[in-house]
Amino acid sequence: IIEIVDITGGWGDYSYYVAPTSSPAPTPSDYQTSPIFTGLAGGVATGTDYQVWVKDRRDCPIQLADINLIDPSEILASLVIT
């Protein structure tokens, strides 16, 4: 999950875009109103890089950051029954 928080400035009424960095820069219709992006794939060793953008109601965009999502290692356990 990537959640974009604490956005200020611009003209308000923000919309958001998150996509792999291999994707082209977003067009105005690519943005969504929710700042929460779920179901994103990570990577085990090197992760997956995502670009994060925000735009205001006047379609002024800014790229905030590139985020690297890394999947956590698998949980392993042993059971001992006594």
Foldseek 3Di string as FASTA:
>chain_A
DFADDDDDDDDAQKWKAKDFPVDDDDDVVRTHSGRDDPPDDFAAPFITKMWIKMAHPVRDIDTDDIDGDHDYDDDDDDDDDD
